[in-house]
């Protein structure tokens, strides 16, 4: 007889959400370790990576994309500008809005960050076969997409389920 796993637990009976959180915390700690010698924080790396894909964002737009408060982003942008990683230019239509752009120095630093992060990702995925890594990536994308959809609402604790579809 095979034991059937609950959809919310892994093989050791841990909730999948707990395992995801543990993976995130381990990944963040390792990211801090590999980025620190380059003089870049994890938040800076995230912001620089976003600017690499979409330059010219305002601080408010960058804050939303990096999941930090506008106040925290203001400090982050100021430190990146001070370190010559980015430059800010006034918006063409609204001069009060400053848009952020990578500097050549920022692009060089970001590439060095990508190199060490690539090594970290290789280390993380070394426990998986290439096929398993591809399935893992697709599974993560599917989970993110599912959580991006509206429709989950909490039910009373005395009901049959704490969470239920809105539909």
C-alpha atoms as a PDB file:
ATOM      1  CA  UNK A   1       0.000   0.000   0.000  1.00  0.00           C
ATOM      2  CA  UNK A   2       1.404   3.390  -0.945  1.00  0.00           C
ATOM      3  CA  UNK A   3       0.944   6.404   1.245  1.00  0.00           C
ATOM      4  CA  UNK A   4      -0.878   9.259  -0.426  1.00  0.00           C
ATOM      5  CA  UNK A   5       0.574  12.691   0.307  1.00  0.00           C
ATOM      6  CA  UNK A   6      -1.641  15.556   1.226  1.00  0.00           C
ATOM      7  CA  UNK A   7      -1.626  18.199  -1.518  1.00  0.00           C
ATOM      8  CA  UNK A   8      -0.206  20.696   0.960  1.00  0.00           C
ATOM      9  CA  UNK A   9       2.658  18.616   2.339  1.00  0.00           C
ATOM     10  CA  UNK A  10       5.869  17.218   0.949  1.00  0.00           C
ATOM     11  CA  UNK A  11       7.363  13.787   1.497  1.00  0.00           C
ATOM     12  CA  UNK A  12       8.332  14.528   5.097  1.00  0.00           C
ATOM     13  CA  UNK A  13       4.960  15.915   6.047  1.00  0.00           C
ATOM     14  CA  UNK A  14       6.089  19.554   5.890  1.00  0.00           C
ATOM     15  CA  UNK A  15       3.722  22.056   4.355  1.00  0.00           C
ATOM     16  CA  UNK A  16       4.827  23.028   0.864  1.00  0.00           C
ATOM     17  CA  UNK A  17       4.432  26.689   1.757  1.00  0.00           C
ATOM     18  CA  UNK A  18       6.913  26.129   4.590  1.00  0.00           C
ATOM     19  CA  UNK A  19       9.378  24.428   2.222  1.00  0.00           C
ATOM     20  CA  UNK A  20       9.028  27.301  -0.259  1.00  0.00           C
ATOM     21  CA  UNK A  21       9.722  29.791   2.540  1.00  0.00           C
ATOM     22  CA  UNK A  22      12.759  27.795   3.700  1.00  0.00           C
ATOM     23  CA  UNK A  23      14.075  27.712   0.127  1.00  0.00           C
ATOM     24  CA  UNK A  24      13.539  31.465  -0.189  1.00  0.00           C
ATOM     25  CA  UNK A  25      15.346  32.171   3.081  1.00  0.00           C
ATOM     26  CA  UNK A  26      18.282  29.909   2.159  1.00  0.00           C
ATOM     27  CA  UNK A  27      18.467  31.495  -1.294  1.00  0.00           C
ATOM     28  CA  UNK A  28      18.394  35.017   0.168  1.00  0.00           C
ATOM     29  CA  UNK A  29      21.164  34.195   2.642  1.00  0.00           C
ATOM     30  CA  UNK A  30      23.354  32.737  -0.117  1.00  0.00           C
ATOM     31  CA  UNK A  31      22.564  35.698  -2.420  1.00  0.00           C
ATOM     32  CA  UNK A  32      23.699  38.083   0.314  1.00  0.00           C
ATOM     33  CA  UNK A  33      26.929  36.071   0.664  1.00  0.00           C
ATOM     34  CA  UNK A  34      27.811  36.107  -3.034  1.00  0.00           C
ATOM     35  CA  UNK A  35      26.781  39.737  -3.641  1.00  0.00           C
ATOM     36  CA  UNK A  36      28.467  41.243  -0.562  1.00  0.00           C
ATOM     37  CA  UNK A  37      32.032  41.068  -1.994  1.00  0.00           C
ATOM     38  CA  UNK A  38      30.766  43.036  -5.013  1.00  0.00           C
ATOM     39  CA  UNK A  39      29.421  45.787  -2.744  1.00  0.00           C
ATOM     40  CA  UNK A  40      25.820  45.145  -3.791  1.00  0.00           C
ATOM     41  CA  UNK A  41      22.848  44.272  -1.607  1.00  0.00           C
ATOM     42  CA  UNK A  42      20.122  41.853  -2.648  1.00  0.00           C
ATOM     43  CA  UNK A  43      17.644  44.742  -2.994  1.00  0.00           C
ATOM     44  CA  UNK A  44      20.098  46.650  -5.174  1.00  0.00           C
ATOM     45  CA  UNK A  45      20.683  43.591  -7.341  1.00  0.00           C
ATOM     46  CA  UNK A  46      16.946  43.142  -7.781  1.00  0.00           C
ATOM     47  CA  UNK A  47      16.449  46.800  -8.715  1.00  0.00           C
ATOM     48  CA  UNK A  48      19.425  46.803 -11.104  1.00  0.00           C
ATOM     49  CA  UNK A  49      18.154  43.620 -12.765  1.00  0.00           C
ATOM     50  CA  UNK A  50      14.758  45.205 -13.304  1.00  0.00           C
ATOM     51  CA  UNK A  51      16.351  48.345 -14.736  1.00  0.00           C
ATOM     52  CA  UNK A  52      18.414  46.172 -17.069  1.00  0.00           C
ATOM     53  CA  UNK A  53      15.195  44.842 -18.587  1.00  0.00           C
ATOM     54  CA  UNK A  54      13.234  48.096 -18.401  1.00  0.00           C
ATOM     55  CA  UNK A  55      15.227  51.282 -17.995  1.00  0.00           C
ATOM     56  CA  UNK A  56      13.616  54.615 -17.372  1.00  0.00           C
ATOM     57  CA  UNK A  57      11.386  53.591 -14.470  1.00  0.00           C
ATOM     58  CA  UNK A  58      10.437  56.054 -11.777  1.00  0.00           C
ATOM     59  CA  UNK A  59      11.238  55.256  -8.161  1.00  0.00           C
ATOM     60  CA  UNK A  60       7.559  54.466  -7.536  1.00  0.00           C
ATOM     61  CA  UNK A  61       7.462  52.017 -10.456  1.00  0.00           C
ATOM     62  CA  UNK A  62      10.680  50.414  -9.291  1.00  0.00           C
ATOM     63  CA  UNK A  63       9.312  50.089  -5.742  1.00  0.00           C
ATOM     64  CA  UNK A  64       6.238  48.213  -7.007  1.00  0.00           C
ATOM     65  CA  UNK A  65       8.347  45.844  -9.094  1.00  0.00           C
ATOM     66  CA  UNK A  66      10.758  45.077  -6.250  1.00  0.00           C
ATOM     67  CA  UNK A  67       8.090  44.738  -3.537  1.00  0.00           C
ATOM     68  CA  UNK A  68       9.513  47.446  -1.286  1.00  0.00           C
ATOM     69  CA  UNK A  69       7.906  50.604   0.026  1.00  0.00           C
ATOM     70  CA  UNK A  70       8.382  53.871  -1.861  1.00  0.00           C
ATOM     71  CA  UNK A  71      10.327  55.196   1.146  1.00  0.00           C
ATOM     72  CA  UNK A  72      12.711  52.226   1.082  1.00  0.00           C
ATOM     73  CA  UNK A  73      13.128  52.602  -2.683  1.00  0.00           C
ATOM     74  CA  UNK A  74      13.945  56.288  -2.268  1.00  0.00           C
ATOM     75  CA  UNK A  75      16.875  55.331  -0.009  1.00  0.00           C
ATOM     76  CA  UNK A  76      17.887  52.489  -2.326  1.00  0.00           C
ATOM     77  CA  UNK A  77      17.862  54.731  -5.405  1.00  0.00           C
ATOM     78  CA  UNK A  78      19.864  57.390  -3.553  1.00  0.00           C
ATOM     79  CA  UNK A  79      22.527  54.832  -2.587  1.00  0.00           C
ATOM     80  CA  UNK A  80      22.720  53.404  -6.122  1.00  0.00           C
ATOM     81  CA  UNK A  81      23.028  56.904  -7.546  1.00  0.00           C
ATOM     82  CA  UNK A  82      25.748  57.762  -5.022  1.00  0.00           C
ATOM     83  CA  UNK A  83      27.626  54.587  -6.009  1.00  0.00           C
ATOM     84  CA  UNK A  84      27.280  55.531  -9.718  1.00  0.00           C
ATOM     85  CA  UNK A  85      25.264  52.391 -10.487  1.00  0.00           C
ATOM     86  CA  UNK A  86      22.369  54.414 -11.859  1.00  0.00           C
ATOM     87  CA  UNK A  87      21.648  57.932 -12.995  1.00  0.00           C
ATOM     88  CA  UNK A  88      18.331  59.705 -12.852  1.00  0.00           C
ATOM     89  CA  UNK A  89      16.976  61.980 -15.523  1.00  0.00           C
ATOM     90  CA  UNK A  90      13.851  64.140 -15.506  1.00  0.00           C
ATOM     91  CA  UNK A  91      10.850  62.724 -17.354  1.00  0.00           C
ATOM     92  CA  UNK A  92      10.206  64.422 -20.692  1.00  0.00           C
ATOM     93  CA  UNK A  93       6.592  65.252 -19.846  1.00  0.00           C
ATOM     94  CA  UNK A  94       6.716  65.763 -16.081  1.00  0.00           C
ATOM     95  CA  UNK A  95       9.994  67.255 -14.882  1.00  0.00           C
ATOM     96  CA  UNK A  96       9.187  66.375 -11.259  1.00  0.00           C
ATOM     97  CA  UNK A  97       9.453  62.658 -12.081  1.00  0.00           C
ATOM     98  CA  UNK A  98      13.007  61.323 -12.169  1.00  0.00           C
ATOM     99  CA  UNK A  99      13.572  58.178 -14.213  1.00  0.00           C
ATOM    100  CA  UNK A 100      16.391  55.734 -13.451  1.00  0.00           C
ATOM    101  CA  UNK A 101      18.926  54.417 -15.960  1.00  0.00           C
ATOM    102  CA  UNK A 102      21.869  52.064 -15.534  1.00  0.00           C
ATOM    103  CA  UNK A 103      25.258  53.723 -15.903  1.00  0.00           C
ATOM    104  CA  UNK A 104      28.050  51.914 -17.767  1.00  0.00           C
ATOM    105  CA  UNK A 105      29.602  51.239 -14.337  1.00  0.00           C
ATOM    106  CA  UNK A 106      26.252  49.895 -13.109  1.00  0.00           C
ATOM    107  CA  UNK A 107      26.008  47.569 -16.101  1.00  0.00           C
ATOM    108  CA  UNK A 108      29.515  46.217 -15.366  1.00  0.00           C
ATOM    109  CA  UNK A 109      28.707  45.654 -11.695  1.00  0.00           C
ATOM    110  CA  UNK A 110      25.405  44.025 -12.636  1.00  0.00           C
ATOM    111  CA  UNK A 111      27.175  41.604 -15.004  1.00  0.00           C
ATOM    112  CA  UNK A 112      29.554  40.600 -12.210  1.00  0.00           C
ATOM    113  CA  UNK A 113      26.498  40.046  -9.991  1.00  0.00           C
ATOM    114  CA  UNK A 114      24.838  37.922 -12.676  1.00  0.00           C
ATOM    115  CA  UNK A 115      27.974  35.786 -12.898  1.00  0.00           C
ATOM    116  CA  UNK A 116      28.028  34.955  -9.169  1.00  0.00           C
ATOM    117  CA  UNK A 117      24.248  34.469  -9.064  1.00  0.00           C
ATOM    118  CA  UNK A 118      24.501  32.078 -12.031  1.00  0.00           C
ATOM    119  CA  UNK A 119      26.927  30.021  -9.955  1.00  0.00           C
ATOM    120  CA  UNK A 120      24.557  30.070  -7.003  1.00  0.00           C
ATOM    121  CA  UNK A 121      21.637  28.917  -9.159  1.00  0.00           C
ATOM    122  CA  UNK A 122      23.794  26.115 -10.582  1.00  0.00           C
ATOM    123  CA  UNK A 123      24.640  25.064  -7.020  1.00  0.00           C
ATOM    124  CA  UNK A 124      20.967  25.100  -6.012  1.00  0.00           C
ATOM    125  CA  UNK A 125      19.903  23.065  -9.038  1.00  0.00           C
ATOM    126  CA  UNK A 126      22.841  20.625  -8.845  1.00  0.00           C
ATOM    127  CA  UNK A 127      20.650  18.300  -6.783  1.00  0.00           C
ATOM    128  CA  UNK A 128      18.285  17.968  -9.779  1.00  0.00           C
ATOM    129  CA  UNK A 129      18.670  16.471 -13.226  1.00  0.00           C
ATOM    130  CA  UNK A 130      18.244  18.910 -16.135  1.00  0.00           C
ATOM    131  CA  UNK A 131      14.768  17.475 -16.710  1.00  0.00           C
ATOM    132  CA  UNK A 132      13.834  17.882 -13.039  1.00  0.00           C
ATOM    133  CA  UNK A 133      15.153  21.464 -13.087  1.00  0.00           C
ATOM    134  CA  UNK A 134      12.962  22.238 -16.117  1.00  0.00           C
ATOM    135  CA  UNK A 135       9.911  20.703 -14.403  1.00  0.00           C
ATOM    136  CA  UNK A 136      10.731  22.667 -11.227  1.00  0.00           C
ATOM    137  CA  UNK A 137      10.894  25.928 -13.176  1.00  0.00           C
ATOM    138  CA  UNK A 138       7.569  25.235 -14.922  1.00  0.00           C
ATOM    139  CA  UNK A 139       5.975  24.259 -11.619  1.00  0.00           C
ATOM    140  CA  UNK A 140       7.128  27.474  -9.946  1.00  0.00           C
ATOM    141  CA  UNK A 141       5.814  29.550 -12.863  1.00  0.00           C
ATOM    142  CA  UNK A 142       2.466  27.730 -12.698  1.00  0.00           C
ATOM    143  CA  UNK A 143       2.209  28.300  -8.937  1.00  0.00           C
ATOM    144  CA  UNK A 144       3.027  32.009  -9.356  1.00  0.00           C
ATOM    145  CA  UNK A 145       0.405  32.318 -12.091  1.00  0.00           C
ATOM    146  CA  UNK A 146      -2.193  30.568  -9.933  1.00  0.00           C
ATOM    147  CA  UNK A 147      -1.571  32.925  -7.014  1.00  0.00           C
ATOM    148  CA  UNK A 148      -1.710  35.956  -9.310  1.00  0.00           C
ATOM    149  CA  UNK A 149      -5.317  35.138 -10.153  1.00  0.00           C
ATOM    150  CA  UNK A 150      -7.922  36.720  -7.891  1.00  0.00           C
ATOM    151  CA  UNK A 151     -10.503  34.488  -6.352  1.00  0.00           C
ATOM    152  CA  UNK A 152      -9.306  33.010  -3.082  1.00  0.00           C
ATOM    153  CA  UNK A 153     -11.074  34.216  -0.021  1.00  0.00           C
ATOM    154  CA  UNK A 154     -10.922  33.038   3.550  1.00  0.00           C
ATOM    155  CA  UNK A 155     -13.793  31.062   5.031  1.00  0.00           C
ATOM    156  CA  UNK A 156     -14.705  30.798   8.644  1.00  0.00           C
ATOM    157  CA  UNK A 157     -12.589  28.331  10.570  1.00  0.00           C
ATOM    158  CA  UNK A 158     -15.644  26.254  11.497  1.00  0.00           C
ATOM    159  CA  UNK A 159     -16.390  25.652   7.787  1.00  0.00           C
ATOM    160  CA  UNK A 160     -15.082  22.745   5.720  1.00  0.00           C
ATOM    161  CA  UNK A 161     -12.065  24.695   4.483  1.00  0.00           C
ATOM    162  CA  UNK A 162     -10.168  27.799   5.471  1.00  0.00           C
ATOM    163  CA  UNK A 163      -9.628  28.851   1.842  1.00  0.00           C
ATOM    164  CA  UNK A 164     -12.080  28.419  -1.000  1.00  0.00           C
ATOM    165  CA  UNK A 165     -12.428  29.532  -4.569  1.00  0.00           C
ATOM    166  CA  UNK A 166     -14.454  32.676  -5.056  1.00  0.00           C
ATOM    167  CA  UNK A 167     -16.263  31.224  -8.066  1.00  0.00           C
END
